[in-house]
Amino acid sequence: MNAVGIDVSSRKSTVAVLRPLGEVVCLPFDVTHDIAGLASLVEKLKALDGETRVVMEHTGRYYEAVEKALHEAGLFVCAVNPLLIKEYGANSLRRVKTDKADAVKIARYALDNWADLRDFTPMDAIRYDLKTLNRQFQLASKQRTASANNLIALLEQSFPGIRKCFDSPVRSDGTQKWVDFAHSFWHVDCVRKQPFPAFCERYRKWCKRHAYLFKLSNAEEVYALAKRCCPDPKVKGRESACAGSCKSAHQYFALSGSLSRGNGSACCYAA
């Protein structure tokens, strides 16, 4: 039985091969993560006499290329939690931390846990990809919520109460009417510094351009709000309100579009 321990890093891996009773099959050596390096590793491992099992830590995504190449070559490959390797042999007072020492430690772990090692399957890769997608989706969702809250706070300074004038649901592409409106009408002056007929016509064209339903009552409500509300005096001029609101709206648009595309991709992937 040959226990192969691989300490994986970003561009290369260190390999150690041991047998029971501490027999060293070959001294630790390095292999690069390219076609030639992985092919050479496969050739060396397949040339060993007896059953061979390869163990490595699943840290980051560096190990995936090595694991895939060895699995496709017909070798037994097991990726274990790094915490198991860290705690293994923790009763020693000597702590040597080098790539070669780590590879030997992983090989010894493979020998001591030979019967409990689980061979890699394609489902492991799928499960890891789904976990990664879910992690990114949750992060993007939090960022979108933060962008929405930031935009609401900015609008409460430049156009207080405008969000309550729109109750349209979120569209399939992630856009919302109040966010689109804030991108074009970021300040009360964008509305009230023109006669109502002029604003109404502009609002009608805006609704048509963004594929929203135009309602005269909604235009009247927005115009009346703009006439009576008083923006925060700290917001000096329309330029500052425009810069903050537009930037926040752009962030919200980008994150909403990304999440909408991500939902579609995830559905296709799951199917």
Protein backbone atom coordinates (compact mmCIF):
# COMPACT_ATOMS: atom_id res chain seq x y z
CA MET A 1 0.00 0.00 0.00
CA ASN A 2 1.31 3.40 -1.05
CA ALA A 3 0.12 6.51 0.78
CA VAL A 4 0.64 9.65 -1.28
CA GLY A 5 0.43 12.97 0.51
CA ILE A 6 0.17 16.13 -1.60
CA ASP A 7 0.61 19.60 -0.16
CA VAL A 8 -1.06 21.88 -2.72
CA SER A 9 -0.19 25.52 -3.32
CA SER A 10 -1.15 27.95 -6.08
CA ARG A 11 1.27 26.90 -8.85
CA LYS A 12 2.93 23.75 -7.60
CA SER A 13 2.44 20.85 -5.24
CA THR A 14 4.82 18.91 -3.04
CA VAL A 15 4.38 15.12 -3.12
CA ALA A 16 5.49 12.54 -0.56
CA VAL A 17 5.01 8.76 -0.82
CA LEU A 18 5.14 6.49 2.23
CA ARG A 19 4.44 2.86 3.07
CA PRO A 20 3.61 1.24 6.42
CA LEU A 21 6.24 1.31 9.18
CA GLY A 22 7.54 4.63 7.91
CA GLU A 23 9.10 3.31 4.70
CA VAL A 24 9.88 6.19 2.37
CA VAL A 25 9.14 5.22 -1.22
CA CYS A 26 10.62 8.43 -2.61
CA LEU A 27 11.80 11.70 -1.18
CA PRO A 28 9.35 14.62 -1.36
CA PHE A 29 9.38 16.30 -4.76
CA ASP A 30 7.60 19.20 -6.44
CA VAL A 31 5.29 19.10 -9.46
CA THR A 32 3.96 22.07 -11.38
CA HIS A 33 0.26 22.55 -12.12
CA ASP A 34 0.53 22.27 -15.88
CA ILE A 35 -0.14 19.46 -18.36
CA ALA A 36 3.44 18.20 -18.35
CA GLY A 37 3.81 18.32 -14.57
CA LEU A 38 0.54 16.53 -13.83
CA ALA A 39 1.21 13.92 -16.53
CA SER A 40 4.60 13.22 -14.97
CA LEU A 41 2.98 12.83 -11.54
CA VAL A 42 0.40 10.39 -12.89
CA GLU A 43 3.14 8.34 -14.55
CA LYS A 44 5.19 8.12 -11.32
CA LEU A 45 2.22 7.16 -9.17
CA LYS A 46 0.93 4.53 -11.58
CA ALA A 47 4.39 2.95 -11.70
CA LEU A 48 4.27 2.17 -7.95
CA ASP A 49 3.73 -1.42 -6.88
CA GLY A 50 0.62 -2.18 -4.85
CA GLU A 51 -2.48 -0.15 -4.09
CA THR A 52 -2.02 3.61 -4.15
CA ARG A 53 -4.18 6.19 -2.43
CA VAL A 54 -3.67 9.92 -2.81
CA VAL A 55 -4.69 12.39 -0.10
CA MET A 56 -4.66 16.20 -0.22
CA GLU A 57 -6.32 19.09 1.56
CA HIS A 58 -9.25 20.85 -0.10
CA THR A 59 -8.06 24.40 0.48
CA GLY A 60 -9.37 27.08 -1.88
CA ARG A 61 -9.59 25.85 -5.46
CA TYR A 62 -5.91 25.12 -6.06
CA TYR A 63 -6.30 21.41 -5.45
CA GLU A 64 -9.03 20.89 -8.05
CA ALA A 65 -6.74 20.62 -11.11
CA VAL A 66 -4.55 18.03 -9.38
CA GLU A 67 -7.52 16.08 -8.07
CA LYS A 68 -9.23 16.04 -11.48
CA ALA A 69 -6.09 14.89 -13.33
CA LEU A 70 -5.40 12.05 -10.90
CA HIS A 71 -9.03 10.94 -10.80
CA GLU A 72 -9.27 10.85 -14.59
CA ALA A 73 -6.10 8.74 -14.66
CA GLY A 74 -7.85 6.10 -12.55
CA LEU A 75 -6.11 6.80 -9.24
CA PHE A 76 -7.79 6.81 -5.82
CA VAL A 77 -7.98 10.45 -4.73
CA CYS A 78 -9.31 11.83 -1.45
CA ALA A 79 -9.56 15.51 -0.52
CA VAL A 80 -9.94 16.00 3.23
CA ASN A 81 -10.76 18.92 5.48
CA PRO A 82 -7.57 20.87 6.34
CA LEU A 83 -8.60 20.88 10.00
CA LEU A 84 -8.21 17.09 10.13
CA ILE A 85 -4.65 17.35 8.88
CA LYS A 86 -3.88 20.23 11.24
CA GLU A 87 -5.08 18.30 14.29
CA TYR A 88 -3.38 15.09 13.20
CA GLY A 89 -0.17 14.57 15.16
CA ALA A 90 -0.82 17.65 17.30
CA ASN A 91 0.68 15.90 20.34
CA SER A 92 4.21 16.64 19.13
CA LEU A 93 6.13 19.57 20.59
CA ARG A 94 8.10 19.99 17.37
CA ARG A 95 6.20 22.01 14.80
CA VAL A 96 8.00 21.94 11.46
CA LYS A 97 6.10 23.95 8.84
CA THR A 98 7.46 23.38 5.32
CA ASP A 99 5.87 22.06 2.14
CA LYS A 100 7.86 18.82 2.37
CA ALA A 101 6.98 18.29 6.03
CA ASP A 102 3.29 18.95 5.29
CA ALA A 103 3.31 16.45 2.40
CA VAL A 104 4.85 13.79 4.67
CA LYS A 105 2.29 14.57 7.38
CA ILE A 106 -0.57 14.14 4.91
CA ALA A 107 0.90 10.81 3.74
CA ARG A 108 1.10 9.60 7.35
CA TYR A 109 -2.52 10.65 7.86
CA ALA A 110 -3.45 8.57 4.80
CA LEU A 111 -1.71 5.49 6.26
CA ASP A 112 -3.37 5.83 9.68
CA ASN A 113 -6.83 6.44 8.18
CA TRP A 114 -6.52 4.13 5.17
CA ALA A 115 -9.86 2.37 5.64
CA ASP A 116 -11.81 5.60 6.18
CA LEU A 117 -10.60 7.44 3.07
CA ARG A 118 -13.36 8.27 0.58
CA ASP A 119 -12.64 8.29 -3.13
CA PHE A 120 -13.36 11.44 -5.10
CA THR A 121 -16.52 11.46 -7.23
CA PRO A 122 -17.78 14.01 -9.80
CA MET A 123 -20.59 14.83 -7.36
CA ASP A 124 -18.01 16.33 -5.01
CA ALA A 125 -17.06 18.89 -7.66
CA ILE A 126 -20.72 19.69 -8.38
CA ARG A 127 -21.45 20.12 -4.68
CA TYR A 128 -18.47 22.45 -4.27
CA ASP A 129 -19.51 24.51 -7.30
CA LEU A 130 -23.03 24.88 -5.93
CA LYS A 131 -21.68 25.97 -2.54
CA THR A 132 -19.50 28.56 -4.28
CA LEU A 133 -22.41 29.86 -6.36
CA ASN A 134 -24.62 30.09 -3.27
CA ARG A 135 -21.92 31.96 -1.35
CA GLN A 136 -21.54 34.49 -4.17
CA PHE A 137 -25.32 34.84 -4.49
CA GLN A 138 -25.71 35.56 -0.77
CA LEU A 139 -22.90 38.13 -0.92
CA ALA A 140 -24.46 39.88 -3.93
CA SER A 141 -27.87 39.88 -2.19
CA LYS A 142 -26.39 41.61 0.85
CA GLN A 143 -24.65 44.16 -1.36
CA ARG A 144 -27.89 44.86 -3.25
CA THR A 145 -29.75 45.39 0.03
CA ALA A 146 -27.01 47.77 1.20
CA SER A 147 -27.22 49.69 -2.10
CA ALA A 148 -31.00 49.95 -1.81
CA ASN A 149 -30.74 51.24 1.78
CA ASN A 150 -28.11 53.74 0.73
CA LEU A 151 -30.30 54.99 -2.12
CA ILE A 152 -33.30 55.31 0.21
CA ALA A 153 -31.21 57.35 2.66
CA LEU A 154 -30.02 59.66 -0.14
CA LEU A 155 -33.55 60.15 -1.47
CA GLU A 156 -34.81 61.03 1.99
CA GLN A 157 -32.43 63.99 1.80
CA SER A 158 -33.09 65.10 -1.78
CA PHE A 159 -36.65 63.87 -2.46
CA PRO A 160 -38.33 62.85 0.84
CA GLY A 161 -41.20 60.37 0.56
CA ILE A 162 -40.84 59.66 -3.16
CA ARG A 163 -40.43 55.92 -2.70
CA LYS A 164 -43.95 55.63 -1.24
CA CYS A 165 -45.41 56.94 -4.51
CA PHE A 166 -44.47 53.69 -6.29
CA ASP A 167 -45.77 50.25 -5.41
CA SER A 168 -44.84 48.36 -8.57
CA PRO A 169 -43.35 44.90 -7.88
CA VAL A 170 -39.80 43.95 -8.76
CA ARG A 171 -39.55 42.94 -12.43
CA SER A 172 -37.97 39.74 -13.69
CA ASP A 173 -34.73 41.54 -14.56
CA GLY A 174 -34.44 42.87 -10.99
CA THR A 175 -35.37 46.49 -11.77
CA GLN A 176 -37.88 48.52 -9.74
CA LYS A 177 -39.83 51.58 -10.78
CA TRP A 178 -38.81 53.74 -7.82
CA VAL A 179 -35.11 53.04 -8.47
CA ASP A 180 -35.45 53.89 -12.16
CA PHE A 181 -37.36 57.05 -11.25
CA ALA A 182 -34.68 58.11 -8.75
CA HIS A 183 -32.05 57.67 -11.43
CA SER A 184 -33.79 60.25 -13.66
CA PHE A 185 -35.52 62.48 -11.06
CA TRP A 186 -33.00 62.53 -8.21
CA HIS A 187 -34.10 65.82 -6.64
CA VAL A 188 -37.37 67.66 -6.01
CA ASP A 189 -36.17 70.42 -8.32
CA CYS A 190 -36.17 67.93 -11.21
CA VAL A 191 -39.96 67.90 -10.85
CA ARG A 192 -41.21 71.14 -9.33
CA LYS A 193 -39.11 73.59 -11.37
CA GLN A 194 -41.35 73.02 -14.38
CA PRO A 195 -45.11 73.37 -14.95
CA PHE A 196 -47.18 70.30 -14.27
CA PRO A 197 -48.08 69.73 -17.98
CA ALA A 198 -44.38 69.74 -18.88
CA PHE A 199 -43.52 67.30 -16.08
CA CYS A 200 -46.51 65.10 -16.94
CA GLU A 201 -45.40 64.82 -20.57
CA ARG A 202 -41.83 64.11 -19.53
CA TYR A 203 -43.01 61.49 -17.04
CA ARG A 204 -45.23 59.87 -19.70
CA LYS A 205 -42.28 59.58 -22.09
CA TRP A 206 -40.13 58.23 -19.27
CA CYS A 207 -42.71 55.52 -18.49
CA LYS A 208 -42.87 54.56 -22.17
CA ARG A 209 -39.07 54.42 -22.47
CA HIS A 210 -38.75 52.16 -19.43
CA ALA A 211 -41.86 50.07 -20.24
CA TYR A 212 -43.84 51.19 -17.18
CA LEU A 213 -47.57 51.89 -17.05
CA PHE A 214 -48.31 55.62 -17.09
CA LYS A 215 -50.99 56.90 -14.73
CA LEU A 216 -52.05 60.53 -14.58
CA SER A 217 -52.93 60.15 -10.90
CA ASN A 218 -49.40 58.93 -10.19
CA ALA A 219 -47.91 61.97 -11.99
CA GLU A 220 -50.18 64.28 -9.96
CA GLU A 221 -49.13 62.56 -6.71
CA VAL A 222 -45.41 62.91 -7.50
CA TYR A 223 -45.76 66.55 -8.53
CA ALA A 224 -47.79 67.44 -5.44
CA LEU A 225 -45.17 65.76 -3.22
CA ALA A 226 -42.36 67.67 -4.92
CA LYS A 227 -44.19 70.96 -4.42
CA ARG A 228 -44.78 70.53 -0.71
CA CYS A 229 -41.72 68.59 0.50
CA CYS A 230 -38.57 70.24 1.77
CA PRO A 231 -35.26 68.53 0.99
CA ASP A 232 -32.42 68.41 3.52
CA PRO A 233 -30.62 71.79 3.44
CA LYS A 234 -27.30 69.93 3.88
CA VAL A 235 -27.70 68.67 0.31
CA LYS A 236 -26.24 71.71 -1.41
CA GLY A 237 -27.31 71.91 -5.05
CA ARG A 238 -28.51 69.27 -7.45
CA GLU A 239 -25.01 68.11 -8.39
CA SER A 240 -24.29 66.38 -5.07
CA ALA A 241 -27.73 64.76 -5.00
CA CYS A 242 -27.33 63.65 -8.61
CA ALA A 243 -23.88 62.13 -8.03
CA GLY A 244 -24.88 60.19 -4.93
CA SER A 245 -28.26 58.98 -6.15
CA CYS A 246 -27.07 58.02 -9.63
CA LYS A 247 -24.06 56.13 -8.29
CA SER A 248 -26.20 54.24 -5.79
CA ALA A 249 -28.83 53.50 -8.46
CA HIS A 250 -26.14 52.23 -10.85
CA GLN A 251 -24.84 49.88 -8.16
CA TYR A 252 -28.36 48.62 -7.52
CA PHE A 253 -28.98 48.09 -11.25
CA ALA A 254 -25.73 46.14 -11.66
CA LEU A 255 -26.32 43.90 -8.64
CA SER A 256 -29.99 43.29 -9.51
CA GLY A 257 -29.08 42.34 -13.08
CA SER A 258 -26.30 40.06 -11.85
CA LEU A 259 -28.62 38.32 -9.40
CA SER A 260 -31.33 37.88 -12.05
CA ARG A 261 -28.83 36.31 -14.46
CA GLY A 262 -27.44 34.21 -11.62
CA ASN A 263 -30.89 32.83 -10.82
CA GLY A 264 -31.35 31.80 -14.44
CA SER A 265 -27.93 30.19 -14.62
CA ALA A 266 -28.52 28.31 -11.39
CA CYS A 267 -31.83 26.97 -12.68
CA CYS A 268 -30.21 25.80 -15.92
CA TYR A 269 -27.33 24.26 -13.96
CA ALA A 270 -29.69 22.42 -11.64
CA ALA A 271 -31.77 21.15 -14.57
